[in-house]
Protein backbone atom coordinates (compact mmCIF):
# COMPACT_ATOMS: atom_id res chain seq x y z
CA MET A 1 126.59 84.24 -64.94
CA MET A 2 126.58 84.18 -61.13
CA SER A 3 123.55 84.79 -58.97
CA LYS A 4 123.11 88.18 -57.33
CA HIS A 5 123.09 86.40 -53.97
CA CYS A 6 126.82 85.64 -54.37
CA PHE A 7 127.63 89.35 -54.69
CA GLU A 8 125.23 90.33 -51.92
CA SER A 9 126.91 87.81 -49.60
CA LEU A 10 130.31 89.31 -50.45
CA ASP A 11 128.90 92.78 -49.80
CA ARG A 12 127.64 91.85 -46.34
CA THR A 13 130.89 90.06 -45.49
CA LEU A 14 133.11 93.01 -46.45
CA ARG A 15 130.87 95.45 -44.60
CA ASP A 16 131.27 93.27 -41.51
CA PHE A 17 135.06 92.91 -41.91
CA MET A 18 135.66 96.60 -42.51
CA ASN A 19 133.34 97.70 -39.69
CA ASN A 20 132.01 100.24 -42.16
CA LEU A 21 130.32 103.04 -40.21
CA GLU A 22 129.27 104.87 -43.39
CA ASP A 23 127.55 101.72 -44.65
CA LYS A 24 129.27 101.83 -48.04
CA PRO A 25 128.83 98.94 -50.50
CA PHE A 26 131.48 96.22 -50.06
CA GLY A 27 132.81 98.03 -47.00
CA GLY A 28 134.15 100.86 -49.15
CA LYS A 29 136.32 98.56 -51.26
CA VAL A 30 136.42 98.99 -55.04
CA ILE A 31 135.09 95.88 -56.76
CA VAL A 32 135.42 95.32 -60.51
CA PHE A 33 132.84 93.11 -62.24
CA GLY A 34 133.21 91.79 -65.75
CA GLY A 35 130.57 90.16 -67.87
CA ASP A 36 128.01 90.33 -70.65
CA PHE A 37 124.27 90.28 -69.98
CA ARG A 38 123.72 88.96 -73.49
CA GLN A 39 125.29 85.68 -72.48
CA VAL A 40 123.31 82.73 -71.16
CA LEU A 41 121.33 83.57 -68.03
CA LEU A 42 121.48 81.65 -64.80
CA VAL A 43 120.32 78.05 -64.76
CA ILE A 44 117.87 77.65 -61.88
CA ASN A 45 116.18 74.29 -61.58
CA GLY A 46 112.42 74.59 -62.02
CA ALA A 47 112.50 78.40 -62.17
CA GLY A 48 110.46 80.51 -64.56
CA ARG A 49 111.43 83.58 -66.57
CA GLU A 50 110.76 86.05 -63.74
CA GLU A 51 112.79 84.11 -61.16
CA ILE A 52 115.76 83.76 -63.50
CA VAL A 53 115.80 87.45 -64.45
CA PHE A 54 115.32 88.51 -60.83
CA ALA A 55 118.41 86.48 -59.81
CA ALA A 56 120.71 88.51 -62.10
CA LEU A 57 123.10 91.13 -60.73
CA ASN A 58 121.26 94.05 -62.30
CA SER A 59 118.20 93.08 -60.21
CA SER A 60 120.16 93.49 -56.98
CA TYR A 61 120.31 96.53 -54.67
CA ILE A 62 124.03 96.60 -55.51
CA TRP A 63 123.38 97.59 -59.13
CA GLU A 64 122.46 101.20 -58.30
CA HIS A 65 125.99 101.65 -56.89
CA CYS A 66 127.67 100.26 -60.02
CA LYS A 67 129.22 102.39 -62.75
CA VAL A 68 129.03 100.68 -66.13
CA PHE A 69 131.87 100.88 -68.65
CA GLU A 70 131.32 99.49 -72.13
CA LEU A 71 133.95 98.06 -74.47
CA THR A 72 133.69 99.88 -77.79
CA LYS A 73 136.79 98.78 -79.70
CA LYS A 74 136.61 95.48 -81.58
CA MET A 75 140.03 93.93 -80.99
CA LYS A 76 139.59 91.43 -83.84
CA LEU A 77 139.59 94.33 -86.31
CA LEU A 78 143.08 95.32 -85.15
CA ALA A 79 144.52 91.98 -86.25
CA ASN A 80 146.43 91.55 -89.49
CA ILE A 81 143.46 90.55 -91.66
CA SER A 82 142.14 91.65 -95.03
CA GLU A 83 139.60 94.44 -95.53
CA HIS A 84 137.05 91.87 -96.67
CA GLU A 85 137.44 89.93 -93.41
CA LYS A 86 137.16 93.15 -91.40
CA ARG A 87 133.89 94.03 -93.12
CA ASP A 88 132.53 90.53 -92.45
CA ILE A 89 133.46 90.76 -88.75
CA GLU A 90 131.99 94.26 -88.45
CA ASP A 91 128.78 93.20 -90.16
CA PHE A 92 128.42 90.05 -88.05
CA SER A 93 129.13 91.97 -84.83
CA LYS A 94 126.41 94.50 -85.65
CA TRP A 95 123.93 91.71 -86.40
CA ILE A 96 124.67 89.98 -83.07
CA LEU A 97 124.25 93.26 -81.15
CA ASP A 98 120.97 93.96 -82.94
CA VAL A 99 119.72 90.50 -81.94
CA GLY A 100 120.69 91.17 -78.31
CA ASP A 101 119.03 94.60 -78.36
CA GLY A 102 115.81 93.20 -79.83
CA LYS A 103 116.09 95.22 -83.05
CA ILE A 104 115.83 92.29 -85.45
CA SER A 105 112.20 91.38 -84.84
CA GLN A 106 109.20 92.51 -82.84
CA CYS A 107 108.82 90.88 -79.42
CA ASN A 108 105.48 89.19 -78.78
CA GLU A 109 104.86 88.39 -75.09
CA GLY A 110 108.54 87.70 -74.49
CA ILE A 111 108.97 85.54 -77.60
CA SER A 112 110.75 86.74 -80.74
CA LEU A 113 111.14 85.08 -84.12
CA ILE A 114 114.56 85.83 -85.61
CA ASP A 115 115.41 85.20 -89.25
CA ILE A 116 118.81 83.52 -89.42
CA ARG A 117 120.93 84.54 -92.38
CA GLU A 118 121.30 82.04 -95.16
CA GLU A 119 125.09 82.15 -94.85
CA PHE A 120 124.88 80.65 -91.35
CA PHE A 121 123.00 77.55 -92.46
CA ILE A 122 124.71 74.22 -93.10
CA ASN A 123 123.12 72.67 -96.15
CA GLY A 124 123.82 68.98 -96.64
CA ASP A 125 122.07 65.87 -97.88
CA ASN A 126 123.85 63.65 -95.37
CA ASP A 127 123.12 62.99 -91.73
CA LEU A 128 122.91 66.19 -89.62
CA VAL A 129 125.96 65.28 -87.52
CA GLU A 130 127.97 64.40 -90.61
CA SER A 131 127.01 67.69 -92.25
CA ILE A 132 128.21 69.68 -89.22
CA ILE A 133 131.51 67.78 -89.06
CA GLU A 134 132.09 68.18 -92.80
CA ALA A 135 131.36 71.93 -92.67
CA VAL A 136 133.83 72.50 -89.81
CA TYR A 137 136.56 69.87 -90.33
CA GLY A 138 136.09 68.71 -93.90
CA ASN A 139 136.35 65.13 -95.12
CA THR A 140 140.07 64.56 -94.53
CA PHE A 141 140.51 65.55 -90.87
CA MET A 142 141.41 61.90 -90.09
CA GLU A 143 144.68 62.38 -92.00
CA GLU A 144 145.47 65.82 -90.58
CA LYS A 145 148.66 65.99 -88.45
CA ASP A 146 148.97 69.74 -87.91
CA ARG A 147 147.60 70.69 -84.47
CA LYS A 148 146.86 74.24 -85.68
CA PHE A 149 144.23 72.76 -87.97
CA PHE A 150 142.26 71.59 -84.92
CA GLN A 151 143.08 74.62 -82.76
CA GLY A 152 141.34 76.90 -85.24
CA ARG A 153 138.10 74.86 -85.37
CA VAL A 154 135.43 74.06 -82.83
CA ILE A 155 131.85 72.79 -82.69
CA LEU A 156 129.72 74.31 -79.92
CA CYS A 157 126.84 72.22 -78.59
CA PRO A 158 123.91 73.17 -76.33
CA THR A 159 123.94 69.89 -74.36
CA ASN A 160 126.45 67.26 -73.25
CA GLU A 161 124.38 64.69 -75.11
CA ASP A 162 125.12 66.46 -78.39
CA VAL A 163 128.82 66.72 -77.45
CA ASN A 164 129.04 62.96 -76.86
CA SER A 165 127.13 62.21 -80.05
CA ILE A 166 129.49 64.28 -82.24
CA ASN A 167 132.61 63.05 -80.43
CA GLU A 168 131.64 59.41 -80.82
CA HIS A 169 130.83 59.93 -84.50
CA MET A 170 134.19 61.59 -85.18
CA MET A 171 136.07 58.92 -83.20
CA SER A 172 134.36 56.22 -85.25
CA MET A 173 135.75 57.83 -88.43
CA LEU A 174 139.34 57.38 -87.24
CA ASP A 175 141.43 54.35 -88.21
CA GLY A 176 141.45 51.41 -85.80
CA LYS A 177 138.98 50.28 -83.19
CA LEU A 178 138.46 52.78 -80.41
CA ASN A 179 135.65 52.91 -77.89
CA PHE A 180 134.88 56.39 -76.61
CA ASN A 181 133.83 55.18 -73.15
CA GLN A 182 137.01 53.13 -72.82
CA THR A 183 139.06 56.21 -73.70
CA LEU A 184 137.43 58.16 -70.90
CA LEU A 185 138.06 55.28 -68.52
CA TYR A 186 141.77 55.26 -69.36
CA PHE A 187 142.04 58.98 -68.71
CA ARG A 188 140.36 58.61 -65.32
CA LEU A 189 142.55 55.65 -64.41
CA ASN A 190 145.74 57.57 -65.27
CA TYR A 191 144.46 60.51 -63.26
CA LEU A 192 143.86 58.27 -60.23
CA ILE A 193 147.30 56.69 -60.54
CA LEU A 194 148.92 60.11 -60.78
CA ASN A 195 147.02 61.30 -57.72
CA SER A 196 148.04 58.25 -55.69
CA VAL A 197 151.71 58.82 -56.56
CA LEU A 198 151.52 62.46 -55.52
CA LEU A 199 149.73 61.47 -52.33
CA LYS A 200 152.48 58.99 -51.43
CA LEU A 201 155.17 61.57 -52.13
CA CYS A 202 153.43 64.16 -49.96
CA PHE A 203 152.88 61.62 -47.16
CA HIS A 204 156.53 60.57 -47.29
CA TYR A 205 157.68 64.17 -47.14
CA ILE A 206 155.45 64.95 -44.14
CA CYS A 207 156.60 61.83 -42.23
CA ARG A 208 160.22 62.85 -42.68
């Protein structure tokens, strides 16, 4: 989510460009915003709850000029899936919306305790990282050759530290010796070589 100051700067700039005598928002231009306030809020270093909320678009003077349209049709339900899958998606969507609307539990001074459904838990006796990998990719992903197998699976992590931890663990399960940091270094080196070649080509073309 972007700070309200970005939109307010655009508003002032367009008013200046358009020499708007009627003082309309964005100089009278129609601006379309897209987003979801249930997503992660702004990350402001050292800021508290009030500062973060106050930096959102709906805390700006612009918000009173906005007309809100809501998406009501769940596009996933239009796909060619079974009735059982449709019911699961519908049920999960309602649960997520209820969490966002604060209907799941009573709020106590800005803090809510939410009971997570049992079906969303990963139960395993192994290491936590191994349990997550096994639940998403199984035990034989090392032998998998079909790219669609990996395209349909993903592990979301809250921090880059968790991303690196899971990536390194999965890389260590592959055949052969492979260092994750060395792999990154190779990618960067290839990127630099590619850039230098493009730079030489562009320089040669300009000199001609």
